[in-house]
Amino acid sequence: MYYGGAQKRPDAEYARPVINPDGKVIGHVGEGNRKDMRNAVEAAHAASPGYGVVQM
């Protein structure tokens, strides 16, 4: 998982396989749980004030 500007280890203990179109497993992705979602939302909320002042 990636949030708050850094790679994070999921709190959940489960992983899901990533399968390519040929049916071959090419990796695994950690499944997030309620705590992971809360942490990601809190990180996004903390970062949001800065988005309004970015000049393009």
PDB file of N, CA and C in Angstrom:
ATOM      1  N   MET A   1       0.835  -1.153   0.000  1.00  0.00           N
ATOM      2  CA  MET A   1       0.000   0.000   0.000  1.00  0.00           C
ATOM      3  C   MET A   1       0.894   1.235   0.000  1.00  0.00           C
ATOM      4  N   TYR A   2       0.405   2.280  -0.634  1.00  0.00           N
ATOM      5  CA  TYR A   2       1.145   3.534  -0.690  1.00  0.00           C
ATOM      6  C   TYR A   2       0.201   4.668  -0.327  1.00  0.00           C
ATOM      7  N   TYR A   3       0.489   5.348   0.761  1.00  0.00           N
ATOM      8  CA  TYR A   3      -0.260   6.538   1.146  1.00  0.00           C
ATOM      9  C   TYR A   3       0.601   7.358   2.086  1.00  0.00           C
ATOM     10  N   GLY A   4       0.274   8.620   2.212  1.00  0.00           N
ATOM     11  CA  GLY A   4       1.058   9.495   3.076  1.00  0.00           C
ATOM     12  C   GLY A   4       2.476   9.703   2.575  1.00  0.00           C
ATOM     13  N   GLY A   5       2.700   9.488   1.284  1.00  0.00           N
ATOM     14  CA  GLY A   5       4.018   9.694   0.702  1.00  0.00           C
ATOM     15  C   GLY A   5       5.009   8.571   0.933  1.00  0.00           C
ATOM     16  N   ALA A   6       4.521   7.407   1.368  1.00  0.00           N
ATOM     17  CA  ALA A   6       5.439   6.298   1.641  1.00  0.00           C
ATOM     18  C   ALA A   6       4.757   4.945   1.431  1.00  0.00           C
ATOM     19  N   GLN A   7       5.577   3.958   1.153  1.00  0.00           N
ATOM     20  CA  GLN A   7       5.090   2.579   1.048  1.00  0.00           C
ATOM     21  C   GLN A   7       4.767   2.078   2.449  1.00  0.00           C
ATOM     22  N   LYS A   8       3.605   1.468   2.625  1.00  0.00           N
ATOM     23  CA  LYS A   8       3.178   0.974   3.937  1.00  0.00           C
ATOM     24  C   LYS A   8       2.858  -0.512   3.851  1.00  0.00           C
ATOM     25  N   ARG A   9       3.157  -1.223   4.910  1.00  0.00           N
ATOM     26  CA  ARG A   9       2.774  -2.630   4.999  1.00  0.00           C
ATOM     27  C   ARG A   9       1.325  -2.674   5.459  1.00  0.00           C
ATOM     28  N   PRO A  10       0.457  -3.420   4.754  1.00  0.00           N
ATOM     29  CA  PRO A  10      -0.946  -3.472   5.161  1.00  0.00           C
ATOM     30  C   PRO A  10      -1.120  -4.098   6.541  1.00  0.00           C
ATOM     31  N   ASP A  11      -2.106  -3.622   7.270  1.00  0.00           N
ATOM     32  CA  ASP A  11      -2.415  -4.176   8.583  1.00  0.00           C
ATOM     33  C   ASP A  11      -3.089  -5.540   8.434  1.00  0.00           C
ATOM     34  N   ALA A  12      -3.814  -5.727   7.342  1.00  0.00           N
ATOM     35  CA  ALA A  12      -4.502  -6.999   7.095  1.00  0.00           C
ATOM     36  C   ALA A  12      -3.483  -8.103   6.821  1.00  0.00           C
ATOM     37  N   GLU A  13      -3.866  -9.324   7.105  1.00  0.00           N
ATOM     38  CA  GLU A  13      -2.956 -10.463   6.942  1.00  0.00           C
ATOM     39  C   GLU A  13      -3.116 -11.178   5.605  1.00  0.00           C
ATOM     40  N   TYR A  14      -4.004 -10.714   4.746  1.00  0.00           N
ATOM     41  CA  TYR A  14      -4.323 -11.444   3.524  1.00  0.00           C
ATOM     42  C   TYR A  14      -3.753 -10.761   2.292  1.00  0.00           C
ATOM     43  N   ALA A  15      -3.423 -11.570   1.289  1.00  0.00           N
ATOM     44  CA  ALA A  15      -2.940 -11.063   0.013  1.00  0.00           C
ATOM     45  C   ALA A  15      -3.760 -11.688  -1.107  1.00  0.00           C
ATOM     46  N   ARG A  16      -3.858 -10.958  -2.191  1.00  0.00           N
ATOM     47  CA  ARG A  16      -4.625 -11.401  -3.353  1.00  0.00           C
ATOM     48  C   ARG A  16      -3.663 -11.541  -4.533  1.00  0.00           C
ATOM     49  N   PRO A  17      -3.770 -12.616  -5.315  1.00  0.00           N
ATOM     50  CA  PRO A  17      -2.873 -12.772  -6.461  1.00  0.00           C
ATOM     51  C   PRO A  17      -3.206 -11.785  -7.578  1.00  0.00           C
ATOM     52  N   VAL A  18      -2.168 -11.349  -8.287  1.00  0.00           N
ATOM     53  CA  VAL A  18      -2.328 -10.533  -9.487  1.00  0.00           C
ATOM     54  C   VAL A  18      -2.090 -11.468 -10.660  1.00  0.00           C
ATOM     55  N   ILE A  19      -3.087 -11.609 -11.522  1.00  0.00           N
ATOM     56  CA  ILE A  19      -3.040 -12.583 -12.614  1.00  0.00           C
ATOM     57  C   ILE A  19      -3.057 -11.839 -13.943  1.00  0.00           C
ATOM     58  N   ASN A  20      -2.090 -12.170 -14.824  1.00  0.00           N
ATOM     59  CA  ASN A  20      -2.047 -11.522 -16.129  1.00  0.00           C
ATOM     60  C   ASN A  20      -3.069 -12.174 -17.071  1.00  0.00           C
ATOM     61  N   PRO A  21      -3.277 -11.623 -18.265  1.00  0.00           N
ATOM     62  CA  PRO A  21      -4.283 -12.177 -19.181  1.00  0.00           C
ATOM     63  C   PRO A  21      -4.044 -13.638 -19.579  1.00  0.00           C
ATOM     64  N   ASP A  22      -2.809 -14.114 -19.469  1.00  0.00           N
ATOM     65  CA  ASP A  22      -2.514 -15.514 -19.793  1.00  0.00           C
ATOM     66  C   ASP A  22      -2.884 -16.461 -18.658  1.00  0.00           C
ATOM     67  N   GLY A  23      -3.304 -15.918 -17.513  1.00  0.00           N
ATOM     68  CA  GLY A  23      -3.663 -16.741 -16.369  1.00  0.00           C
ATOM     69  C   GLY A  23      -2.513 -17.015 -15.419  1.00  0.00           C
ATOM     70  N   LYS A  24      -1.358 -16.404 -15.681  1.00  0.00           N
ATOM     71  CA  LYS A  24      -0.185 -16.620 -14.837  1.00  0.00           C
ATOM     72  C   LYS A  24      -0.174 -15.621 -13.676  1.00  0.00           C
ATOM     73  N   VAL A  25       0.122 -16.111 -12.470  1.00  0.00           N
ATOM     74  CA  VAL A  25       0.248 -15.237 -11.307  1.00  0.00           C
ATOM     75  C   VAL A  25       1.567 -14.478 -11.425  1.00  0.00           C
ATOM     76  N   ILE A  26       1.483 -13.148 -11.429  1.00  0.00           N
ATOM     77  CA  ILE A  26       2.688 -12.334 -11.593  1.00  0.00           C
ATOM     78  C   ILE A  26       3.058 -11.572 -10.321  1.00  0.00           C
ATOM     79  N   GLY A  27       2.270 -11.720  -9.284  1.00  0.00           N
ATOM     80  CA  GLY A  27       2.567 -11.057  -8.019  1.00  0.00           C
ATOM     81  C   GLY A  27       1.403 -11.179  -7.057  1.00  0.00           C
ATOM     82  N   HIS A  28       1.543 -10.540  -5.931  1.00  0.00           N
ATOM     83  CA  HIS A  28       0.487 -10.522  -4.919  1.00  0.00           C
ATOM     84  C   HIS A  28       0.337  -9.103  -4.381  1.00  0.00           C
ATOM     85  N   VAL A  29      -0.888  -8.744  -4.040  1.00  0.00           N
ATOM     86  CA  VAL A  29      -1.204  -7.428  -3.507  1.00  0.00           C
ATOM     87  C   VAL A  29      -1.846  -7.614  -2.146  1.00  0.00           C
ATOM     88  N   GLY A  30      -1.346  -6.898  -1.158  1.00  0.00           N
ATOM     89  CA  GLY A  30      -1.932  -6.980   0.174  1.00  0.00           C
ATOM     90  C   GLY A  30      -3.327  -6.382   0.193  1.00  0.00           C
ATOM     91  N   GLU A  31      -4.247  -7.051   0.867  1.00  0.00           N
ATOM     92  CA  GLU A  31      -5.605  -6.531   1.014  1.00  0.00           C
ATOM     93  C   GLU A  31      -5.653  -5.627   2.235  1.00  0.00           C
ATOM     94  N   GLY A  32      -6.209  -4.465   2.061  1.00  0.00           N
ATOM     95  CA  GLY A  32      -6.351  -3.544   3.178  1.00  0.00           C
ATOM     96  C   GLY A  32      -7.576  -3.878   4.015  1.00  0.00           C
ATOM     97  N   ASN A  33      -7.547  -3.432   5.251  1.00  0.00           N
ATOM     98  CA  ASN A  33      -8.707  -3.600   6.116  1.00  0.00           C
ATOM     99  C   ASN A  33      -9.193  -2.217   6.562  1.00  0.00           C
ATOM    100  N   ARG A  34     -10.078  -2.193   7.526  1.00  0.00           N
ATOM    101  CA  ARG A  34     -10.656  -0.934   7.994  1.00  0.00           C
ATOM    102  C   ARG A  34      -9.586   0.030   8.514  1.00  0.00           C
ATOM    103  N   LYS A  35      -8.603  -0.494   9.231  1.00  0.00           N
ATOM    104  CA  LYS A  35      -7.532   0.363   9.762  1.00  0.00           C
ATOM    105  C   LYS A  35      -6.706   0.971   8.630  1.00  0.00           C
ATOM    106  N   ASP A  36      -6.401   0.165   7.593  1.00  0.00           N
ATOM    107  CA  ASP A  36      -5.648   0.673   6.450  1.00  0.00           C
ATOM    108  C   ASP A  36      -6.413   1.792   5.746  1.00  0.00           C
ATOM    109  N   MET A  37      -7.714   1.607   5.575  1.00  0.00           N
ATOM    110  CA  MET A  37      -8.544   2.629   4.929  1.00  0.00           C
ATOM    111  C   MET A  37      -8.557   3.915   5.759  1.00  0.00           C
ATOM    112  N   ARG A  38      -8.717   3.783   7.057  1.00  0.00           N
ATOM    113  CA  ARG A  38      -8.732   4.956   7.932  1.00  0.00           C
ATOM    114  C   ARG A  38      -7.403   5.705   7.842  1.00  0.00           C
ATOM    115  N   ASN A  39      -6.292   4.971   7.862  1.00  0.00           N
ATOM    116  CA  ASN A  39      -4.974   5.606   7.764  1.00  0.00           C
ATOM    117  C   ASN A  39      -4.809   6.344   6.438  1.00  0.00           C
ATOM    118  N   ALA A  40      -5.275   5.749   5.342  1.00  0.00           N
ATOM    119  CA  ALA A  40      -5.164   6.383   4.028  1.00  0.00           C
ATOM    120  C   ALA A  40      -6.033   7.639   3.948  1.00  0.00           C
ATOM    121  N   VAL A  41      -7.247   7.572   4.467  1.00  0.00           N
ATOM    122  CA  VAL A  41      -8.136   8.739   4.449  1.00  0.00           C
ATOM    123  C   VAL A  41      -7.568   9.857   5.315  1.00  0.00           C
ATOM    124  N   GLU A  42      -7.034   9.524   6.472  1.00  0.00           N
ATOM    125  CA  GLU A  42      -6.429  10.540   7.338  1.00  0.00           C
ATOM    126  C   GLU A  42      -5.225  11.194   6.666  1.00  0.00           C
ATOM    127  N   ALA A  43      -4.416  10.408   5.949  1.00  0.00           N
ATOM    128  CA  ALA A  43      -3.257  10.963   5.239  1.00  0.00           C
ATOM    129  C   ALA A  43      -3.715  11.895   4.119  1.00  0.00           C
ATOM    130  N   ALA A  44      -4.761  11.507   3.386  1.00  0.00           N
ATOM    131  CA  ALA A  44      -5.286  12.357   2.313  1.00  0.00           C
ATOM    132  C   ALA A  44      -5.870  13.646   2.887  1.00  0.00           C
ATOM    133  N   HIS A  45      -6.581  13.532   3.983  1.00  0.00           N
ATOM    134  CA  HIS A  45      -7.168  14.714   4.618  1.00  0.00           C
ATOM    135  C   HIS A  45      -6.075  15.672   5.094  1.00  0.00           C
ATOM    136  N   ALA A  46      -5.010  15.135   5.664  1.00  0.00           N
ATOM    137  CA  ALA A  46      -3.907  15.970   6.141  1.00  0.00           C
ATOM    138  C   ALA A  46      -3.195  16.675   4.986  1.00  0.00           C
ATOM    139  N   ALA A  47      -3.153  16.042   3.812  1.00  0.00           N
ATOM    140  CA  ALA A  47      -2.462  16.617   2.656  1.00  0.00           C
ATOM    141  C   ALA A  47      -3.335  17.596   1.881  1.00  0.00           C
ATOM    142  N   SER A  48      -4.640  17.537   2.042  1.00  0.00           N
ATOM    143  CA  SER A  48      -5.548  18.309   1.193  1.00  0.00           C
ATOM    144  C   SER A  48      -5.412  19.826   1.292  1.00  0.00           C
ATOM    145  N   PRO A  49      -5.092  20.452   2.433  1.00  0.00           N
ATOM    146  CA  PRO A  49      -4.983  21.918   2.439  1.00  0.00           C
ATOM    147  C   PRO A  49      -3.926  22.451   1.464  1.00  0.00           C
ATOM    148  N   GLY A  50      -2.866  21.717   1.239  1.00  0.00           N
ATOM    149  CA  GLY A  50      -1.814  22.165   0.337  1.00  0.00           C
ATOM    150  C   GLY A  50      -2.201  22.164  -1.125  1.00  0.00           C
ATOM    151  N   TYR A  51      -3.187  21.385  -1.516  1.00  0.00           N
ATOM    152  CA  TYR A  51      -3.582  21.318  -2.921  1.00  0.00           C
ATOM    153  C   TYR A  51      -4.223  22.607  -3.400  1.00  0.00           C
ATOM    154  N   GLY A  52      -4.860  23.348  -2.522  1.00  0.00           N
ATOM    155  CA  GLY A  52      -5.521  24.583  -2.928  1.00  0.00           C
ATOM    156  C   GLY A  52      -4.569  25.724  -3.218  1.00  0.00           C
ATOM    157  N   VAL A  53      -3.324  25.623  -2.792  1.00  0.00           N
ATOM    158  CA  VAL A  53      -2.373  26.717  -2.974  1.00  0.00           C
ATOM    159  C   VAL A  53      -1.313  26.420  -4.031  1.00  0.00           C
ATOM    160  N   VAL A  54      -1.399  25.286  -4.691  1.00  0.00           N
ATOM    161  CA  VAL A  54      -0.418  24.928  -5.720  1.00  0.00           C
ATOM    162  C   VAL A  54      -0.668  25.761  -6.975  1.00  0.00           C
ATOM    163  N   GLN A  55       0.364  26.439  -7.470  1.00  0.00           N
ATOM    164  CA  GLN A  55       0.276  27.236  -8.693  1.00  0.00           C
ATOM    165  C   GLN A  55       0.702  26.399  -9.885  1.00  0.00           C
ATOM    166  N   MET A  56      -0.020  26.489 -10.954  1.00  0.00           N
ATOM    167  CA  MET A  56       0.327  25.745 -12.174  1.00  0.00           C
ATOM    168  C   MET A  56       0.984  26.664 -13.168  1.00  0.00           C
TER     169      MET A  56
END
